[in-house]
Amino acid sequence: MNSDLKLNEWQAQVDAWIKEYGVRYFSELTNTAILMEEVGELARLMARTYGDQSFKKSDENKNIGDEMADILWVLMCLANQTGVNLDTALAENFKKKTLRDSERHKNNPKL
């Protein structure tokens, strides 16, 4: 796999994989639940790696990058299912955040 792909190109790769190996997409609601499960798996690993919890035997072969990739995978499935181009959505989100927060964080005494 080429790691220089844009998000929409990765979305196409996920779509092709689903059609070849996955038979079909799970429903949007099922994929939303799976996304929450994957986020929980990342949270668990973060709590053990950077927080106060200790590792369990079942955590031994887990890795943060792989857990993040699982989240991206399911998010791309949902984007494909709902017609969202993540390149466009992310670019628009940057604009929104820049307009909204361009001075907000600079002026935050807590930071």
N, C-alpha and C. Protein backbone atom coordinates (compact mmCIF):
# COMPACT_ATOMS: atom_id res chain seq x y z
N MET A 1 0.83 -1.19 0.00
CA MET A 1 0.00 0.00 0.00
C MET A 1 0.87 1.26 0.00
N ASN A 2 0.45 2.22 -0.73
CA ASN A 2 1.15 3.50 -0.83
C ASN A 2 0.72 4.39 0.33
N SER A 3 1.65 4.78 1.18
CA SER A 3 1.30 5.60 2.34
C SER A 3 1.17 7.08 1.99
N ASP A 4 1.34 7.44 0.72
CA ASP A 4 1.22 8.84 0.31
C ASP A 4 -0.16 9.16 -0.25
N LEU A 5 -1.12 8.29 -0.05
CA LEU A 5 -2.46 8.51 -0.58
C LEU A 5 -3.19 9.60 0.20
N LYS A 6 -4.13 10.25 -0.47
CA LYS A 6 -5.02 11.19 0.19
C LYS A 6 -6.13 10.40 0.87
N LEU A 7 -6.85 11.04 1.76
CA LEU A 7 -7.91 10.35 2.48
C LEU A 7 -8.95 9.74 1.52
N ASN A 8 -9.33 10.50 0.49
CA ASN A 8 -10.35 9.96 -0.42
C ASN A 8 -9.81 8.77 -1.21
N GLU A 9 -8.51 8.71 -1.42
CA GLU A 9 -7.91 7.55 -2.08
C GLU A 9 -7.91 6.35 -1.12
N TRP A 10 -7.66 6.60 0.16
CA TRP A 10 -7.77 5.53 1.15
C TRP A 10 -9.21 5.05 1.24
N GLN A 11 -10.16 5.99 1.17
CA GLN A 11 -11.57 5.61 1.18
C GLN A 11 -11.86 4.65 0.02
N ALA A 12 -11.32 4.93 -1.15
CA ALA A 12 -11.52 4.05 -2.31
C ALA A 12 -10.89 2.68 -2.06
N GLN A 13 -9.72 2.66 -1.40
CA GLN A 13 -9.07 1.39 -1.08
C GLN A 13 -9.92 0.57 -0.11
N VAL A 14 -10.48 1.23 0.88
CA VAL A 14 -11.36 0.54 1.84
C VAL A 14 -12.58 -0.01 1.11
N ASP A 15 -13.15 0.80 0.24
CA ASP A 15 -14.33 0.37 -0.52
C ASP A 15 -14.01 -0.86 -1.37
N ALA A 16 -12.87 -0.84 -2.04
CA ALA A 16 -12.47 -1.99 -2.87
C ALA A 16 -12.25 -3.22 -2.01
N TRP A 17 -11.65 -3.05 -0.84
CA TRP A 17 -11.41 -4.19 0.05
C TRP A 17 -12.74 -4.79 0.53
N ILE A 18 -13.65 -3.90 0.93
CA ILE A 18 -14.96 -4.36 1.39
C ILE A 18 -15.64 -5.18 0.30
N LYS A 19 -15.60 -4.69 -0.93
CA LYS A 19 -16.27 -5.37 -2.03
C LYS A 19 -15.60 -6.70 -2.39
N GLU A 20 -14.28 -6.78 -2.20
CA GLU A 20 -13.57 -8.01 -2.54
C GLU A 20 -13.58 -9.03 -1.40
N TYR A 21 -13.35 -8.56 -0.18
CA TYR A 21 -13.18 -9.48 0.95
C TYR A 21 -14.31 -9.42 1.98
N GLY A 22 -14.94 -8.30 2.09
CA GLY A 22 -15.93 -8.11 3.15
C GLY A 22 -17.35 -8.43 2.74
N VAL A 23 -17.58 -8.75 1.50
CA VAL A 23 -18.89 -9.06 0.92
C VAL A 23 -19.73 -7.79 0.78
N ARG A 24 -19.99 -7.10 1.90
CA ARG A 24 -20.73 -5.83 1.86
C ARG A 24 -20.42 -5.08 3.14
N TYR A 25 -20.82 -3.81 3.15
CA TYR A 25 -20.67 -3.01 4.37
C TYR A 25 -21.68 -3.50 5.41
N PHE A 26 -21.28 -3.42 6.69
CA PHE A 26 -22.27 -3.55 7.75
C PHE A 26 -23.16 -2.31 7.67
N SER A 27 -24.31 -2.33 8.30
CA SER A 27 -25.19 -1.15 8.28
C SER A 27 -24.48 0.03 8.94
N GLU A 28 -24.96 1.22 8.64
CA GLU A 28 -24.38 2.43 9.22
C GLU A 28 -24.45 2.40 10.75
N LEU A 29 -25.57 1.91 11.28
CA LEU A 29 -25.72 1.85 12.73
C LEU A 29 -24.73 0.85 13.33
N THR A 30 -24.58 -0.31 12.69
CA THR A 30 -23.60 -1.29 13.17
C THR A 30 -22.21 -0.72 13.12
N ASN A 31 -21.86 -0.04 12.02
CA ASN A 31 -20.52 0.55 11.92
C ASN A 31 -20.31 1.66 12.94
N THR A 32 -21.36 2.38 13.29
CA THR A 32 -21.22 3.39 14.34
C THR A 32 -20.91 2.72 15.67
N ALA A 33 -21.58 1.63 15.96
CA ALA A 33 -21.30 0.89 17.20
C ALA A 33 -19.88 0.32 17.17
N ILE A 34 -19.45 -0.20 16.02
CA ILE A 34 -18.08 -0.71 15.89
C ILE A 34 -17.07 0.41 16.10
N LEU A 35 -17.36 1.60 15.57
CA LEU A 35 -16.47 2.75 15.76
C LEU A 35 -16.32 3.06 17.25
N MET A 36 -17.41 3.05 17.98
CA MET A 36 -17.34 3.31 19.42
C MET A 36 -16.51 2.22 20.12
N GLU A 37 -16.68 0.99 19.69
CA GLU A 37 -15.89 -0.12 20.26
C GLU A 37 -14.40 0.09 20.01
N GLU A 38 -14.05 0.49 18.78
CA GLU A 38 -12.65 0.72 18.43
C GLU A 38 -12.07 1.89 19.23
N VAL A 39 -12.84 2.94 19.42
CA VAL A 39 -12.38 4.08 20.23
C VAL A 39 -12.15 3.62 21.66
N GLY A 40 -13.02 2.76 22.16
CA GLY A 40 -12.85 2.21 23.50
C GLY A 40 -11.57 1.40 23.63
N GLU A 41 -11.24 0.63 22.59
CA GLU A 41 -10.00 -0.16 22.61
C GLU A 41 -8.78 0.75 22.66
N LEU A 42 -8.83 1.86 21.90
CA LEU A 42 -7.73 2.82 21.96
C LEU A 42 -7.65 3.45 23.35
N ALA A 43 -8.80 3.83 23.90
CA ALA A 43 -8.82 4.45 25.22
C ALA A 43 -8.23 3.51 26.27
N ARG A 44 -8.58 2.25 26.18
CA ARG A 44 -8.05 1.27 27.13
C ARG A 44 -6.53 1.19 27.04
N LEU A 45 -6.01 1.14 25.82
CA LEU A 45 -4.56 1.06 25.63
C LEU A 45 -3.87 2.35 26.08
N MET A 46 -4.48 3.49 25.82
CA MET A 46 -3.91 4.76 26.27
C MET A 46 -3.87 4.83 27.80
N ALA A 47 -4.93 4.34 28.45
CA ALA A 47 -4.97 4.35 29.91
C ALA A 47 -3.88 3.47 30.50
N ARG A 48 -3.55 2.40 29.80
CA ARG A 48 -2.53 1.50 30.30
C ARG A 48 -1.11 2.00 29.96
N THR A 49 -0.99 2.65 28.81
CA THR A 49 0.32 3.14 28.38
C THR A 49 0.70 4.45 29.07
N TYR A 50 -0.25 5.39 29.15
CA TYR A 50 0.06 6.71 29.68
C TYR A 50 -0.63 7.03 30.99
N GLY A 51 -1.57 6.20 31.38
CA GLY A 51 -2.33 6.43 32.61
C GLY A 51 -1.85 5.54 33.74
N ASP A 52 -2.73 5.37 34.68
CA ASP A 52 -2.38 4.67 35.91
C ASP A 52 -2.72 3.18 35.91
N GLN A 53 -3.43 2.72 34.88
CA GLN A 53 -3.80 1.31 34.86
C GLN A 53 -2.63 0.44 34.43
N SER A 54 -2.60 -0.77 34.95
CA SER A 54 -1.56 -1.71 34.56
C SER A 54 -2.05 -2.56 33.38
N PHE A 55 -1.10 -3.11 32.65
CA PHE A 55 -1.43 -3.95 31.50
C PHE A 55 -1.95 -5.29 31.96
N LYS A 56 -2.86 -5.84 31.15
CA LYS A 56 -3.36 -7.20 31.36
C LYS A 56 -2.74 -8.08 30.28
N LYS A 57 -2.80 -9.37 30.48
CA LYS A 57 -2.27 -10.33 29.51
C LYS A 57 -2.88 -10.07 28.12
N SER A 58 -4.17 -9.74 28.08
CA SER A 58 -4.86 -9.53 26.80
C SER A 58 -4.39 -8.27 26.07
N ASP A 59 -3.63 -7.41 26.75
CA ASP A 59 -3.13 -6.17 26.13
C ASP A 59 -1.76 -6.35 25.47
N GLU A 60 -1.14 -7.50 25.65
CA GLU A 60 0.26 -7.68 25.26
C GLU A 60 0.55 -7.37 23.80
N ASN A 61 -0.28 -7.79 22.89
CA ASN A 61 0.01 -7.62 21.47
C ASN A 61 -0.70 -6.42 20.85
N LYS A 62 -1.21 -5.53 21.67
CA LYS A 62 -1.91 -4.34 21.18
C LYS A 62 -0.91 -3.23 20.90
N ASN A 63 -1.22 -2.43 19.88
CA ASN A 63 -0.35 -1.29 19.61
C ASN A 63 -1.20 -0.08 19.23
N ILE A 64 -0.78 1.06 19.72
CA ILE A 64 -1.56 2.29 19.59
C ILE A 64 -1.83 2.64 18.12
N GLY A 65 -0.81 2.53 17.28
CA GLY A 65 -1.00 2.86 15.86
C GLY A 65 -2.03 1.96 15.20
N ASP A 66 -2.01 0.68 15.52
CA ASP A 66 -2.99 -0.24 14.95
C ASP A 66 -4.39 0.08 15.45
N GLU A 67 -4.52 0.44 16.71
CA GLU A 67 -5.84 0.81 17.24
C GLU A 67 -6.36 2.08 16.57
N MET A 68 -5.48 3.05 16.32
CA MET A 68 -5.88 4.26 15.60
C MET A 68 -6.29 3.94 14.17
N ALA A 69 -5.55 3.03 13.53
CA ALA A 69 -5.88 2.63 12.16
C ALA A 69 -7.24 1.94 12.11
N ASP A 70 -7.55 1.13 13.13
CA ASP A 70 -8.88 0.51 13.18
C ASP A 70 -9.98 1.56 13.20
N ILE A 71 -9.75 2.64 13.96
CA ILE A 71 -10.72 3.74 14.02
C ILE A 71 -10.87 4.39 12.66
N LEU A 72 -9.73 4.68 12.01
CA LEU A 72 -9.79 5.29 10.68
C LEU A 72 -10.52 4.40 9.68
N TRP A 73 -10.27 3.09 9.75
CA TRP A 73 -10.91 2.14 8.84
C TRP A 73 -12.43 2.25 8.94
N VAL A 74 -12.95 2.15 10.16
CA VAL A 74 -14.40 2.17 10.33
C VAL A 74 -14.95 3.55 9.99
N LEU A 75 -14.21 4.60 10.31
CA LEU A 75 -14.64 5.95 9.94
C LEU A 75 -14.73 6.09 8.42
N MET A 76 -13.78 5.51 7.71
CA MET A 76 -13.82 5.54 6.24
C MET A 76 -14.99 4.72 5.71
N CYS A 77 -15.29 3.62 6.35
CA CYS A 77 -16.48 2.86 5.96
C CYS A 77 -17.72 3.73 6.08
N LEU A 78 -17.86 4.40 7.22
CA LEU A 78 -19.02 5.28 7.43
C LEU A 78 -19.04 6.43 6.43
N ALA A 79 -17.88 6.99 6.13
CA ALA A 79 -17.81 8.08 5.14
C ALA A 79 -18.26 7.57 3.78
N ASN A 80 -17.79 6.40 3.40
CA ASN A 80 -18.21 5.82 2.12
C ASN A 80 -19.71 5.58 2.09
N GLN A 81 -20.25 5.07 3.17
CA GLN A 81 -21.67 4.74 3.23
C GLN A 81 -22.56 5.99 3.19
N THR A 82 -22.05 7.09 3.70
CA THR A 82 -22.87 8.30 3.80
C THR A 82 -22.49 9.36 2.76
N GLY A 83 -21.57 9.02 1.86
CA GLY A 83 -21.22 9.94 0.78
C GLY A 83 -20.33 11.10 1.21
N VAL A 84 -19.56 10.93 2.27
CA VAL A 84 -18.68 11.99 2.76
C VAL A 84 -17.28 11.80 2.17
N ASN A 85 -16.77 12.85 1.54
CA ASN A 85 -15.38 12.86 1.08
C ASN A 85 -14.57 13.44 2.24
N LEU A 86 -13.75 12.60 2.86
CA LEU A 86 -13.03 13.04 4.06
C LEU A 86 -11.99 14.12 3.78
N ASP A 87 -11.42 14.16 2.57
CA ASP A 87 -10.50 15.25 2.23
C ASP A 87 -11.23 16.59 2.30
N THR A 88 -12.40 16.65 1.68
CA THR A 88 -13.20 17.87 1.68
C THR A 88 -13.68 18.21 3.09
N ALA A 89 -14.17 17.20 3.80
CA ALA A 89 -14.68 17.43 5.16
C ALA A 89 -13.59 17.95 6.08
N LEU A 90 -12.39 17.37 5.98
CA LEU A 90 -11.29 17.81 6.84
C LEU A 90 -10.84 19.23 6.49
N ALA A 91 -10.78 19.54 5.20
CA ALA A 91 -10.39 20.90 4.78
C ALA A 91 -11.40 21.92 5.30
N GLU A 92 -12.69 21.61 5.19
CA GLU A 92 -13.73 22.52 5.70
C GLU A 92 -13.66 22.64 7.22
N ASN A 93 -13.33 21.54 7.90
CA ASN A 93 -13.22 21.55 9.35
C ASN A 93 -12.06 22.44 9.79
N PHE A 94 -10.94 22.40 9.05
CA PHE A 94 -9.82 23.29 9.35
C PHE A 94 -10.25 24.75 9.22
N LYS A 95 -10.97 25.07 8.16
CA LYS A 95 -11.45 26.46 7.98
C LYS A 95 -12.34 26.88 9.14
N LYS A 96 -13.28 26.00 9.52
CA LYS A 96 -14.20 26.30 10.62
C LYS A 96 -13.43 26.54 11.91
N LYS A 97 -12.49 25.68 12.22
CA LYS A 97 -11.73 25.82 13.46
C LYS A 97 -10.86 27.07 13.44
N THR A 98 -10.30 27.39 12.29
CA THR A 98 -9.45 28.58 12.19
C THR A 98 -10.27 29.84 12.40
N LEU A 99 -11.43 29.90 11.78
CA LEU A 99 -12.30 31.08 11.97
C LEU A 99 -12.76 31.18 13.41
N ARG A 100 -13.14 30.09 13.99
CA ARG A 100 -13.69 30.09 15.34
C ARG A 100 -12.63 30.27 16.41
N ASP A 101 -11.46 29.68 16.22
CA ASP A 101 -10.49 29.57 17.31
C ASP A 101 -9.16 30.29 17.05
N SER A 102 -9.09 31.14 16.03
CA SER A 102 -7.80 31.74 15.68
C SER A 102 -7.19 32.53 16.84
N GLU A 103 -7.98 33.13 17.68
CA GLU A 103 -7.47 33.89 18.83
C GLU A 103 -7.82 33.24 20.16
N ARG A 104 -8.80 32.36 20.15
CA ARG A 104 -9.32 31.77 21.39
C ARG A 104 -8.23 31.11 22.23
N HIS A 105 -7.43 30.25 21.63
CA HIS A 105 -6.43 29.52 22.40
C HIS A 105 -5.25 30.40 22.80
N LYS A 106 -4.90 31.35 21.92
CA LYS A 106 -3.81 32.28 22.24
C LYS A 106 -4.15 33.11 23.48
N ASN A 107 -5.42 33.39 23.65
CA ASN A 107 -5.86 34.24 24.76
C ASN A 107 -6.32 33.45 25.97
N ASN A 108 -6.08 32.17 25.99
CA ASN A 108 -6.51 31.32 27.10
C ASN A 108 -5.40 31.26 28.15
N PRO A 109 -5.60 31.86 29.30
CA PRO A 109 -4.55 31.87 30.32
C PRO A 109 -4.24 30.47 30.87
N LYS A 110 -5.15 29.52 30.68
CA LYS A 110 -4.92 28.16 31.14
C LYS A 110 -3.87 27.44 30.29
N LEU A 111 -3.66 27.93 29.09
CA LEU A 111 -2.68 27.33 28.20
C LEU A 111 -1.36 28.06 28.29
